[in-house]
Protein backbone atom coordinates (compact mmCIF):
# COMPACT_ATOMS: atom_id res chain seq x y z
CA UNK A 1 0.00 0.00 0.00
CA UNK A 2 1.34 3.45 -0.91
CA UNK A 3 1.24 6.28 1.63
CA UNK A 4 -0.35 9.08 -0.42
CA UNK A 5 0.94 11.71 2.02
CA UNK A 6 4.50 10.87 0.90
CA UNK A 7 3.81 12.21 -2.62
CA UNK A 8 1.70 15.22 -1.59
CA UNK A 9 3.24 18.51 -2.81
CA UNK A 10 6.12 16.66 -4.55
CA UNK A 11 7.43 17.26 -8.08
CA UNK A 12 7.76 14.03 -10.08
CA UNK A 13 9.93 13.18 -13.12
CA UNK A 14 9.23 9.80 -14.72
CA UNK A 15 11.69 7.79 -16.81
CA UNK A 16 10.04 4.74 -18.32
CA UNK A 17 11.78 1.92 -20.14
CA UNK A 18 10.97 0.93 -23.72
CA UNK A 19 11.32 -2.79 -22.92
CA UNK A 20 9.72 -2.48 -19.48
CA UNK A 21 7.06 -0.13 -18.16
CA UNK A 22 6.57 2.96 -20.39
CA UNK A 23 6.53 6.44 -18.84
CA UNK A 24 2.85 7.21 -19.58
CA UNK A 25 1.77 4.03 -17.75
CA UNK A 26 3.78 5.06 -14.69
CA UNK A 27 2.29 8.57 -14.94
CA UNK A 28 -1.26 7.17 -14.88
CA UNK A 29 -0.46 5.30 -11.66
CA UNK A 30 1.27 8.31 -10.09
CA UNK A 31 -1.73 10.55 -10.75
CA UNK A 32 -3.74 8.45 -8.31
CA UNK A 33 -1.32 9.11 -5.42
CA UNK A 34 -0.85 12.84 -5.90
CA UNK A 35 2.12 15.06 -6.64
CA UNK A 36 2.80 17.10 -9.75
CA UNK A 37 4.20 15.28 -12.80
CA UNK A 38 6.73 17.57 -14.47
CA UNK A 39 8.24 15.24 -17.05
CA UNK A 40 7.46 11.83 -18.56
CA UNK A 41 9.67 9.97 -21.00
CA UNK A 42 10.14 6.46 -22.37
CA UNK A 43 13.61 5.45 -23.58
CA UNK A 44 15.66 2.34 -24.07
CA UNK A 45 18.01 1.78 -21.15
CA UNK A 46 21.12 1.90 -23.35
CA UNK A 47 20.10 5.40 -24.53
CA UNK A 48 20.10 6.70 -20.94
CA UNK A 49 23.38 5.27 -19.66
CA UNK A 50 26.87 5.98 -20.96
CA UNK A 51 28.84 2.95 -21.96
CA UNK A 52 31.20 1.45 -24.53
CA UNK A 53 28.47 1.50 -27.21
CA UNK A 54 28.59 5.31 -27.19
CA UNK A 55 32.31 5.53 -27.93
CA UNK A 56 33.33 6.25 -31.52
CA UNK A 57 34.74 3.20 -33.23
CA UNK A 58 37.72 3.64 -35.58
CA UNK A 59 38.71 0.92 -38.01
CA UNK A 60 42.45 0.70 -38.54
C-alpha atoms as a PDB file:
ATOM      1  CA  UNK A   1       0.000   0.000   0.000  1.00  0.00           C
ATOM      2  CA  UNK A   2       1.344   3.450  -0.907  1.00  0.00           C
ATOM      3  CA  UNK A   3       1.237   6.279   1.626  1.00  0.00           C
ATOM      4  CA  UNK A   4      -0.351   9.080  -0.416  1.00  0.00           C
ATOM      5  CA  UNK A   5       0.945  11.707   2.023  1.00  0.00           C
ATOM      6  CA  UNK A   6       4.504  10.874   0.905  1.00  0.00           C
ATOM      7  CA  UNK A   7       3.809  12.213  -2.621  1.00  0.00           C
ATOM      8  CA  UNK A   8       1.697  15.220  -1.586  1.00  0.00           C
ATOM      9  CA  UNK A   9       3.242  18.507  -2.809  1.00  0.00           C
ATOM     10  CA  UNK A  10       6.123  16.664  -4.550  1.00  0.00           C
ATOM     11  CA  UNK A  11       7.430  17.264  -8.078  1.00  0.00           C
ATOM     12  CA  UNK A  12       7.756  14.031 -10.076  1.00  0.00           C
ATOM     13  CA  UNK A  13       9.934  13.181 -13.116  1.00  0.00           C
ATOM     14  CA  UNK A  14       9.231   9.802 -14.718  1.00  0.00           C
ATOM     15  CA  UNK A  15      11.685   7.785 -16.809  1.00  0.00           C
ATOM     16  CA  UNK A  16      10.037   4.738 -18.316  1.00  0.00           C
ATOM     17  CA  UNK A  17      11.781   1.916 -20.137  1.00  0.00           C
ATOM     18  CA  UNK A  18      10.975   0.928 -23.718  1.00  0.00           C
ATOM     19  CA  UNK A  19      11.321  -2.786 -22.920  1.00  0.00           C
ATOM     20  CA  UNK A  20       9.716  -2.484 -19.477  1.00  0.00           C
ATOM     21  CA  UNK A  21       7.064  -0.128 -18.163  1.00  0.00           C
ATOM     22  CA  UNK A  22       6.566   2.962 -20.389  1.00  0.00           C
ATOM     23  CA  UNK A  23       6.530   6.437 -18.844  1.00  0.00           C
ATOM     24  CA  UNK A  24       2.850   7.212 -19.579  1.00  0.00           C
ATOM     25  CA  UNK A  25       1.765   4.029 -17.747  1.00  0.00           C
ATOM     26  CA  UNK A  26       3.776   5.060 -14.687  1.00  0.00           C
ATOM     27  CA  UNK A  27       2.291   8.570 -14.938  1.00  0.00           C
ATOM     28  CA  UNK A  28      -1.256   7.168 -14.877  1.00  0.00           C
ATOM     29  CA  UNK A  29      -0.457   5.304 -11.656  1.00  0.00           C
ATOM     30  CA  UNK A  30       1.266   8.307 -10.085  1.00  0.00           C
ATOM     31  CA  UNK A  31      -1.726  10.554 -10.751  1.00  0.00           C
ATOM     32  CA  UNK A  32      -3.739   8.451  -8.310  1.00  0.00           C
ATOM     33  CA  UNK A  33      -1.318   9.105  -5.420  1.00  0.00           C
ATOM     34  CA  UNK A  34      -0.850  12.842  -5.898  1.00  0.00           C
ATOM     35  CA  UNK A  35       2.117  15.057  -6.638  1.00  0.00           C
ATOM     36  CA  UNK A  36       2.803  17.097  -9.754  1.00  0.00           C
ATOM     37  CA  UNK A  37       4.198  15.283 -12.796  1.00  0.00           C
ATOM     38  CA  UNK A  38       6.729  17.572 -14.466  1.00  0.00           C
ATOM     39  CA  UNK A  39       8.236  15.238 -17.054  1.00  0.00           C
ATOM     40  CA  UNK A  40       7.464  11.835 -18.562  1.00  0.00           C
ATOM     41  CA  UNK A  41       9.671   9.967 -21.003  1.00  0.00           C
ATOM     42  CA  UNK A  42      10.144   6.458 -22.371  1.00  0.00           C
ATOM     43  CA  UNK A  43      13.613   5.454 -23.580  1.00  0.00           C
ATOM     44  CA  UNK A  44      15.658   2.344 -24.067  1.00  0.00           C
ATOM     45  CA  UNK A  45      18.010   1.780 -21.153  1.00  0.00           C
ATOM     46  CA  UNK A  46      21.124   1.905 -23.353  1.00  0.00           C
ATOM     47  CA  UNK A  47      20.099   5.396 -24.530  1.00  0.00           C
ATOM     48  CA  UNK A  48      20.097   6.700 -20.941  1.00  0.00           C
ATOM     49  CA  UNK A  49      23.378   5.266 -19.656  1.00  0.00           C
ATOM     50  CA  UNK A  50      26.869   5.985 -20.959  1.00  0.00           C
ATOM     51  CA  UNK A  51      28.844   2.949 -21.963  1.00  0.00           C
ATOM     52  CA  UNK A  52      31.196   1.446 -24.525  1.00  0.00           C
ATOM     53  CA  UNK A  53      28.467   1.500 -27.208  1.00  0.00           C
ATOM     54  CA  UNK A  54      28.587   5.313 -27.191  1.00  0.00           C
ATOM     55  CA  UNK A  55      32.305   5.527 -27.929  1.00  0.00           C
ATOM     56  CA  UNK A  56      33.331   6.252 -31.523  1.00  0.00           C
ATOM     57  CA  UNK A  57      34.742   3.196 -33.235  1.00  0.00           C
ATOM     58  CA  UNK A  58      37.717   3.637 -35.577  1.00  0.00           C
ATOM     59  CA  UNK A  59      38.708   0.924 -38.011  1.00  0.00           C
ATOM     60  CA  UNK A  60      42.452   0.703 -38.539  1.00  0.00           C
END
